[in-house]
Amino acid sequence: MAGARRIVVKVGSALLVDDQTGAADHAWLKAFCADAAALRQGGTQLVVVSSGAVALGRRRLGLSPDKMGGRKSLTLPEKQAAAAAGQSLLMRAWEEALEPHGLTTAQILLTRDDTEVRRRWLNARATAETLLTLGVVPVVNENDTVVTEEIRYGDNDRLAARVAQMVGADLLVLLSDIDGLYTADPRRDPTARHIPLVTDITAEIAGMAEGANAATGVGTGGMATKIAAARIARAAGCATLITLGSRPHPLAAIAAGEPSTLIEAGASPAAAYKAWIAGSLAPQGWLTIDAGAAAALLKGKSLLSAGVRAVEGPFDKGDAVRVRDETGREIARGLVRYDSADAHKIAGLRSDAIEAELGYSEGPMIHADDLAVG
């Protein structure tokens, strides 16, 4: 916690919404946001992935079981209507809890395509990066108003892991109704042993989550979904911490050493991201660059349009492309910020001439953060 530059915290609806009243639990939010403010004051950037829109909207629309003849489950259209009605209540609750600490919040609604389709992923990441740079606390939720069962994440643990991957977080915190992973369900087995540290997600660890621990966890998730989320985060160079969310001041409790399970990252976020670009994506085209641009790339600089001598496609914005020098040697791979048609138009142009040519500018041809050199 102390060394993390950027943290993503997942808050489930069971923590945020009072089960008896169906309204936001303002006392819990107040304590959580005091912890969040302390982290921000220490220089840590924070993203919150928050459930709760459907639960809050259900109450607003009168979709409680006692008003629906005892029926507890909602149809898909009812869930989408509840999400639409509850999202403003959810954001109001976060705004009111963060405002006394001088913190501004902003809403980001995502669908699975926003973290799976590279072009949309780049756009979502740019928005999140800008908000974090401005000192804002983004509150992320799945866009339940438009998603269907076939295109949803399935649970906010998985969404939180994808967000952590997208923003290059150092730590993903999953607030649960249990203080971490156990060898068995401690509510059923008094001999169950708490596991404070996981250095690798082995078959044994996955088996613990899918077996006796599977029912633990709040909302639609359980321990199995949390370990699945941790696997995604680990591959992105992000550590995961599973801890009890119902404690007063849950983030401060982590720093104070209260029980939790830490799942270590496989590498740094930057190294994992570069490895993903270099080895996991199928390149869609080529950029040939001059000697000056090649030297700049080897020094960790971005690829500017002025250094591009030839473009071979087709490719779309966000696709992986190969970069070669004028001898034909591949020197890098990266995620390009323009499609092949626009890349052709700006090849060789100075950065300050891009907007005049295209009517817009996305900056360098490939940003240094999106380049794997070597």
Protein backbone atom coordinates (compact mmCIF):
# COMPACT_ATOMS: atom_id res chain seq x y z
CA MET A 1 0.00 0.00 0.00
CA ALA A 2 2.69 2.47 1.01
CA GLY A 3 4.80 1.92 -2.08
CA ALA A 4 1.99 1.79 -4.65
CA ARG A 5 1.88 4.64 -7.15
CA ARG A 6 -1.57 3.75 -8.46
CA ILE A 7 -4.26 1.60 -6.79
CA VAL A 8 -7.56 0.24 -8.08
CA VAL A 9 -10.11 -0.63 -5.39
CA LYS A 10 -13.19 -2.73 -6.11
CA VAL A 11 -16.21 -1.98 -3.92
CA GLY A 12 -19.16 -4.36 -4.12
CA SER A 13 -22.80 -3.50 -3.69
CA ALA A 14 -23.03 -5.47 -0.43
CA LEU A 15 -20.64 -2.94 1.13
CA LEU A 16 -22.00 0.21 -0.46
CA VAL A 17 -25.76 -0.43 -0.20
CA ASP A 18 -27.54 -0.93 3.14
CA ASP A 19 -29.30 -4.27 2.93
CA GLN A 20 -32.18 -3.18 5.15
CA THR A 21 -33.03 0.14 3.50
CA GLY A 22 -31.74 -0.34 -0.04
CA ALA A 23 -30.09 3.10 0.19
CA ALA A 24 -26.39 3.98 0.11
CA ASP A 25 -24.52 3.22 3.34
CA HIS A 26 -23.23 6.73 4.00
CA ALA A 27 -21.39 5.78 7.21
CA TRP A 28 -19.31 3.17 5.39
CA LEU A 29 -18.68 5.53 2.47
CA LYS A 30 -17.56 8.28 4.84
CA ALA A 31 -14.95 6.00 6.45
CA PHE A 32 -13.77 4.62 3.11
CA CYS A 33 -13.37 8.08 1.58
CA ALA A 34 -11.37 9.27 4.59
CA ASP A 35 -8.95 6.42 3.83
CA ALA A 36 -8.95 7.33 0.14
CA ALA A 37 -8.14 10.95 0.97
CA ALA A 38 -5.21 9.86 3.13
CA LEU A 39 -3.82 7.83 0.22
CA ARG A 40 -4.25 10.76 -2.17
CA GLN A 41 -2.46 13.09 0.25
CA GLY A 42 0.41 10.61 0.26
CA GLY A 43 0.69 10.87 -3.51
CA THR A 44 -1.11 7.65 -4.46
CA GLN A 45 -3.52 7.81 -7.38
CA LEU A 46 -6.79 5.96 -6.81
CA VAL A 47 -9.42 4.43 -9.08
CA VAL A 48 -12.63 3.01 -7.60
CA VAL A 49 -14.56 0.25 -9.37
CA SER A 50 -17.99 0.47 -7.78
CA SER A 51 -21.07 -1.71 -7.95
CA GLY A 52 -24.39 -0.52 -6.59
CA ALA A 53 -26.31 1.12 -9.44
CA VAL A 54 -28.76 -1.75 -9.89
CA ALA A 55 -29.34 -2.11 -6.14
CA LEU A 56 -29.95 1.62 -5.68
CA GLY A 57 -32.10 1.91 -8.80
CA ARG A 58 -34.20 -1.07 -7.78
CA ARG A 59 -35.34 0.78 -4.69
CA ARG A 60 -35.98 3.99 -6.62
CA LEU A 61 -38.18 2.17 -9.17
CA GLY A 62 -40.07 0.12 -6.61
CA LEU A 63 -38.68 -3.20 -7.82
CA SER A 64 -38.32 -4.72 -4.37
CA PRO A 65 -39.49 -8.33 -3.81
CA ASP A 66 -42.42 -7.23 -1.63
CA LYS A 67 -43.73 -5.12 -4.52
CA MET A 68 -43.16 -7.83 -7.12
CA GLY A 69 -45.11 -10.65 -5.50
CA GLY A 70 -42.07 -12.02 -3.72
CA ARG A 71 -39.96 -12.31 -6.89
CA LYS A 72 -36.32 -11.51 -6.04
CA SER A 73 -34.57 -11.80 -9.40
CA LEU A 74 -34.91 -9.11 -12.05
CA THR A 75 -35.36 -9.66 -15.76
CA LEU A 76 -32.66 -8.21 -18.01
CA PRO A 77 -34.80 -5.19 -19.01
CA GLU A 78 -35.58 -4.58 -15.32
CA LYS A 79 -31.86 -4.75 -14.45
CA GLN A 80 -31.05 -2.29 -17.21
CA ALA A 81 -33.82 0.06 -16.07
CA ALA A 82 -32.63 -0.18 -12.46
CA ALA A 83 -29.05 0.57 -13.55
CA ALA A 84 -30.22 3.64 -15.47
CA ALA A 85 -32.18 4.91 -12.46
CA GLY A 86 -29.49 4.05 -9.92
CA GLN A 87 -26.33 5.32 -11.59
CA SER A 88 -27.03 8.94 -10.67
CA LEU A 89 -27.70 7.91 -7.06
CA LEU A 90 -24.44 5.97 -7.00
CA MET A 91 -22.42 8.92 -8.29
CA ARG A 92 -24.17 11.32 -5.92
CA ALA A 93 -23.21 9.09 -2.99
CA TRP A 94 -19.55 9.05 -4.07
CA GLU A 95 -19.49 12.79 -4.74
CA GLU A 96 -20.98 13.62 -1.33
CA ALA A 97 -18.51 11.34 0.43
CA LEU A 98 -15.40 12.60 -1.41
CA GLU A 99 -16.25 16.31 -1.56
CA PRO A 100 -15.50 17.08 2.14
CA HIS A 101 -11.93 15.95 1.46
CA GLY A 102 -11.55 18.27 -1.51
CA LEU A 103 -11.58 15.35 -3.97
CA THR A 104 -13.34 15.50 -7.31
CA THR A 105 -14.83 12.37 -8.85
CA ALA A 106 -15.76 11.47 -12.41
CA GLN A 107 -17.85 8.65 -13.83
CA ILE A 108 -16.48 6.10 -16.31
CA LEU A 109 -18.93 3.51 -17.66
CA LEU A 110 -17.40 0.59 -19.53
CA THR A 111 -18.53 -2.40 -21.52
CA ARG A 112 -16.34 -5.42 -22.18
CA ASP A 113 -15.40 -4.11 -25.63
CA ASP A 114 -13.85 -1.04 -23.99
CA THR A 115 -11.12 -3.21 -22.47
CA GLU A 116 -10.97 -5.94 -25.13
CA VAL A 117 -11.01 -3.94 -28.41
CA ARG A 118 -7.67 -2.14 -28.68
CA ARG A 119 -8.96 1.07 -30.25
CA ARG A 120 -11.60 1.53 -27.57
CA TRP A 121 -9.10 0.43 -24.91
CA LEU A 122 -6.71 3.21 -25.97
CA ASN A 123 -9.51 5.78 -25.80
CA ALA A 124 -10.66 4.61 -22.36
CA ARG A 125 -7.08 4.56 -21.08
CA ALA A 126 -6.45 8.09 -22.35
CA THR A 127 -9.53 9.33 -20.50
CA ALA A 128 -8.54 7.60 -17.26
CA GLU A 129 -4.95 8.86 -17.51
CA THR A 130 -6.12 12.43 -18.02
CA LEU A 131 -8.46 12.26 -15.02
CA LEU A 132 -5.74 10.82 -12.79
CA THR A 133 -3.26 13.46 -13.93
CA LEU A 134 -5.80 16.11 -12.96
CA GLY A 135 -6.08 14.64 -9.45
CA VAL A 136 -9.56 13.21 -9.98
CA VAL A 137 -10.79 9.93 -8.42
CA PRO A 138 -12.48 8.03 -11.28
CA VAL A 139 -15.45 5.87 -10.29
CA VAL A 140 -15.80 3.02 -12.79
CA ASN A 141 -18.79 0.76 -13.29
CA GLU A 142 -20.00 -1.57 -15.98
CA ASN A 143 -22.52 0.09 -18.28
CA ASP A 144 -25.37 -2.17 -17.17
CA THR A 145 -27.92 -0.09 -19.07
CA VAL A 146 -26.71 -1.42 -22.43
CA VAL A 147 -24.87 -4.69 -21.77
CA THR A 148 -26.45 -8.11 -22.14
CA GLU A 149 -25.43 -11.37 -20.50
CA GLU A 150 -23.42 -12.29 -23.60
CA ILE A 151 -21.26 -9.15 -23.59
CA ARG A 152 -20.86 -8.35 -19.90
CA TYR A 153 -17.81 -8.92 -17.73
CA GLY A 154 -19.84 -11.16 -15.46
CA ASP A 155 -18.62 -9.63 -12.21
CA ASN A 156 -16.88 -6.48 -11.05
CA ASP A 157 -13.83 -8.41 -9.80
CA ARG A 158 -12.98 -9.15 -13.42
CA LEU A 159 -13.84 -5.58 -14.46
CA ALA A 160 -11.56 -4.22 -11.72
CA ALA A 161 -8.70 -6.42 -12.95
CA ARG A 162 -9.16 -5.17 -16.51
CA VAL A 163 -9.22 -1.57 -15.25
CA ALA A 164 -6.02 -2.20 -13.25
CA GLN A 165 -4.45 -3.57 -16.43
CA MET A 166 -5.67 -0.61 -18.47
CA VAL A 167 -4.32 2.09 -16.14
CA GLY A 168 -1.09 0.27 -15.25
CA ALA A 169 -1.92 -0.03 -11.55
CA ASP A 170 0.59 -1.38 -9.05
CA LEU A 171 -2.06 -2.82 -6.73
CA LEU A 172 -5.61 -4.12 -7.09
CA VAL A 173 -7.59 -4.21 -3.83
CA LEU A 174 -10.66 -6.48 -3.80
CA LEU A 175 -12.85 -5.71 -0.79
CA SER A 176 -14.64 -8.91 0.19
CA ASP A 177 -16.80 -10.28 2.99
CA ILE A 178 -13.83 -12.36 4.16
CA ASP A 179 -10.25 -11.35 5.00
CA GLY A 180 -8.56 -13.34 2.26
CA LEU A 181 -7.95 -16.84 0.97
CA TYR A 182 -8.13 -19.84 3.30
CA THR A 183 -7.23 -23.49 2.84
CA ALA A 184 -10.95 -24.16 3.39
CA ASP A 185 -14.07 -22.14 4.16
CA PRO A 186 -13.43 -20.86 7.73
CA ARG A 187 -17.16 -20.50 8.34
CA ARG A 188 -17.53 -24.24 7.97
CA ASP A 189 -14.11 -25.62 8.89
CA PRO A 190 -12.55 -24.39 12.15
CA THR A 191 -9.17 -25.82 11.10
CA ALA A 192 -9.04 -23.67 7.95
CA ARG A 193 -5.74 -21.81 7.66
CA HIS A 194 -5.47 -18.23 6.40
CA ILE A 195 -2.99 -17.70 3.55
CA PRO A 196 -1.39 -14.25 3.84
CA LEU A 197 0.89 -14.44 0.78
CA VAL A 198 0.57 -16.08 -2.63
CA THR A 199 3.69 -15.88 -4.78
CA ASP A 200 2.16 -17.72 -7.75
CA ILE A 201 -1.37 -18.83 -8.68
CA THR A 202 -0.74 -22.56 -8.83
CA ALA A 203 -3.28 -25.30 -9.47
CA GLU A 204 -3.40 -25.82 -5.70
CA ILE A 205 -4.29 -22.17 -5.06
CA ALA A 206 -6.89 -22.16 -7.84
CA GLY A 207 -8.34 -25.37 -6.42
CA MET A 208 -8.75 -23.78 -2.99
CA ALA A 209 -10.69 -20.90 -4.52
CA GLU A 210 -12.89 -23.12 -6.66
CA GLY A 211 -13.58 -25.59 -3.89
CA ALA A 212 -14.38 -24.78 -0.26
CA ASN A 213 -13.83 -21.03 -0.74
CA ALA A 214 -15.99 -20.73 -3.85
CA ALA A 215 -19.04 -19.30 -2.08
CA THR A 216 -17.10 -16.65 -0.20
CA GLY A 217 -17.19 -13.08 -1.48
CA VAL A 218 -19.91 -10.50 -1.99
CA GLY A 219 -22.32 -9.72 -4.81
CA THR A 220 -22.07 -11.86 -7.95
CA GLY A 221 -18.47 -12.81 -7.25
CA GLY A 222 -16.87 -15.34 -4.94
CA MET A 223 -13.33 -16.36 -4.08
CA ALA A 224 -12.97 -18.12 -7.44
CA THR A 225 -13.74 -14.88 -9.32
CA LYS A 226 -11.26 -13.01 -7.13
CA ILE A 227 -8.47 -15.45 -7.93
CA ALA A 228 -9.42 -15.25 -11.62
CA ALA A 229 -9.21 -11.46 -11.37
CA ALA A 230 -5.86 -11.73 -9.60
CA ARG A 231 -4.58 -13.89 -12.46
CA ILE A 232 -5.47 -11.12 -14.95
CA ALA A 233 -3.85 -8.48 -12.75
CA ARG A 234 -0.73 -10.59 -12.16
CA ALA A 235 -0.22 -11.01 -15.91
CA ALA A 236 -0.34 -7.19 -16.18
CA GLY A 237 2.31 -6.74 -13.49
CA CYS A 238 -0.19 -5.76 -10.79
CA ALA A 239 -0.35 -7.28 -7.31
CA THR A 240 -3.74 -8.14 -5.79
CA LEU A 241 -4.86 -7.79 -2.21
CA ILE A 242 -8.03 -9.51 -0.97
CA THR A 243 -9.31 -8.22 2.35
CA LEU A 244 -12.38 -7.72 4.50
CA GLY A 245 -14.28 -4.68 3.31
CA SER A 246 -16.81 -4.37 6.12
CA ARG A 247 -14.21 -3.23 8.64
CA PRO A 248 -14.36 0.42 9.67
CA HIS A 249 -11.81 2.24 7.50
CA PRO A 250 -10.96 -0.81 5.35
CA LEU A 251 -7.97 0.72 3.55
CA ALA A 252 -6.42 2.03 6.76
CA ALA A 253 -6.93 -1.44 8.25
CA ILE A 254 -4.75 -2.89 5.49
CA ALA A 255 -1.97 -0.42 6.25
CA ALA A 256 -2.33 -1.26 9.96
CA GLY A 257 -1.63 -4.92 9.22
CA GLU A 258 -5.08 -6.45 9.54
CA PRO A 259 -5.34 -9.92 7.93
CA SER A 260 -5.52 -10.06 4.13
CA THR A 261 -4.13 -12.11 1.26
CA LEU A 262 -1.53 -10.55 -1.02
CA ILE A 263 -1.03 -12.14 -4.45
CA GLU A 264 2.28 -10.96 -5.83
CA ALA A 265 2.71 -9.49 -9.30
CA GLY A 266 4.66 -11.40 -11.92
CA ALA A 267 6.59 -8.31 -13.06
CA SER A 268 6.28 -4.52 -13.05
CA PRO A 269 3.21 -3.12 -14.86
CA ALA A 270 5.40 -1.45 -17.49
CA ALA A 271 7.46 -4.59 -18.16
CA ALA A 272 4.35 -6.78 -18.39
CA TYR A 273 2.70 -4.34 -20.79
CA LYS A 274 5.74 -4.18 -23.06
CA ALA A 275 5.96 -7.99 -23.07
CA TRP A 276 2.28 -8.16 -24.06
CA ILE A 277 2.88 -5.80 -26.98
CA ALA A 278 6.02 -7.66 -28.08
CA GLY A 279 4.73 -11.21 -27.89
CA SER A 280 0.97 -11.47 -27.53
CA LEU A 281 -0.41 -9.31 -30.35
CA ALA A 282 -0.44 -10.12 -34.05
CA PRO A 283 1.11 -7.15 -35.89
CA GLN A 284 -1.07 -5.74 -38.67
CA GLY A 285 1.42 -3.63 -40.64
CA TRP A 286 4.84 -2.00 -40.91
CA LEU A 287 6.32 1.44 -40.34
CA THR A 288 9.72 2.16 -41.85
CA ILE A 289 11.62 4.91 -40.03
CA ASP A 290 14.78 6.92 -40.62
CA ALA A 291 18.04 6.66 -38.69
CA GLY A 292 17.23 9.59 -36.40
CA ALA A 293 13.91 8.10 -35.34
CA ALA A 294 15.53 4.69 -34.80
CA ALA A 295 18.13 6.23 -32.50
CA ALA A 296 15.39 8.04 -30.58
CA LEU A 297 13.45 4.80 -30.05
CA LEU A 298 16.52 3.08 -28.63
CA LYS A 299 16.72 5.92 -26.08
CA GLY A 300 13.12 5.33 -24.97
CA LYS A 301 11.52 8.13 -26.98
CA SER A 302 8.17 8.09 -28.82
CA LEU A 303 7.96 7.52 -32.56
CA LEU A 304 7.09 10.86 -34.16
CA SER A 305 5.45 11.14 -37.56
CA ALA A 306 8.41 13.15 -38.86
CA GLY A 307 10.63 10.09 -38.66
CA VAL A 308 8.32 7.76 -40.61
CA ARG A 309 9.43 7.10 -44.18
CA ALA A 310 6.95 4.42 -45.31
CA VAL A 311 3.65 2.92 -44.15
CA GLU A 312 2.39 -0.57 -45.01
CA GLY A 313 -1.07 -1.69 -43.95
CA PRO A 314 -3.90 -1.92 -43.66
CA PHE A 315 -4.24 -1.38 -39.91
CA ASP A 316 -6.60 0.42 -37.55
CA LYS A 317 -5.90 2.80 -34.71
CA GLY A 318 -4.78 0.74 -31.71
CA ASP A 319 -3.43 -2.16 -33.76
CA ALA A 320 0.04 -3.54 -33.17
CA VAL A 321 2.52 -2.74 -35.96
CA ARG A 322 6.15 -3.63 -36.61
CA VAL A 323 8.73 -0.84 -36.82
CA ARG A 324 11.85 -1.30 -38.95
CA ASP A 325 14.82 0.87 -39.87
CA GLU A 326 15.82 1.73 -43.42
CA THR A 327 17.93 -1.45 -43.70
CA GLY A 328 14.79 -3.54 -43.17
CA ARG A 329 15.69 -4.67 -39.64
CA GLU A 330 12.78 -4.85 -37.17
CA ILE A 331 13.65 -2.77 -34.10
CA ALA A 332 10.32 -2.40 -32.27
CA ARG A 333 6.62 -3.18 -32.09
CA GLY A 334 3.96 -0.83 -30.82
CA LEU A 335 0.34 0.25 -30.74
CA VAL A 336 -0.19 2.86 -33.43
CA ARG A 337 -2.37 5.92 -32.74
CA TYR A 338 -3.59 6.40 -36.32
CA ASP A 339 -5.11 4.06 -38.89
CA SER A 340 -3.05 3.27 -41.99
CA ALA A 341 -4.86 5.80 -44.19
CA ASP A 342 -4.10 8.69 -41.82
CA ALA A 343 -0.60 7.37 -41.10
CA HIS A 344 0.15 7.63 -44.84
CA LYS A 345 -1.00 11.27 -44.82
CA ILE A 346 1.17 12.37 -41.90
CA ALA A 347 4.31 10.29 -42.56
CA GLY A 348 7.23 12.71 -42.62
CA LEU A 349 5.23 15.62 -41.14
CA ARG A 350 6.25 17.54 -38.04
CA SER A 351 3.99 17.03 -35.02
CA ASP A 352 2.64 20.58 -35.21
CA ALA A 353 1.43 19.95 -38.80
CA ILE A 354 -0.70 16.87 -38.03
CA GLU A 355 -3.88 18.70 -37.03
CA ALA A 356 -3.81 20.87 -40.15
CA GLU A 357 -3.54 17.76 -42.31
CA LEU A 358 -6.08 15.51 -40.54
CA GLY A 359 -8.29 17.92 -38.61
CA TYR A 360 -7.24 16.25 -35.35
CA SER A 361 -4.11 15.02 -33.63
CA GLU A 362 -3.46 12.01 -31.40
CA GLY A 363 0.13 13.06 -30.73
CA PRO A 364 3.05 10.80 -31.78
CA MET A 365 2.62 7.96 -34.25
CA ILE A 366 3.39 5.55 -31.40
CA HIS A 367 3.82 6.77 -27.83
CA ALA A 368 6.86 5.52 -25.90
CA ASP A 369 4.56 3.85 -23.37
CA ASP A 370 3.11 1.72 -26.18
CA LEU A 371 6.47 0.67 -27.72
CA ALA A 372 8.39 -2.54 -27.11
CA VAL A 373 11.90 -1.95 -28.44
CA GLY A 374 14.43 -4.68 -29.22
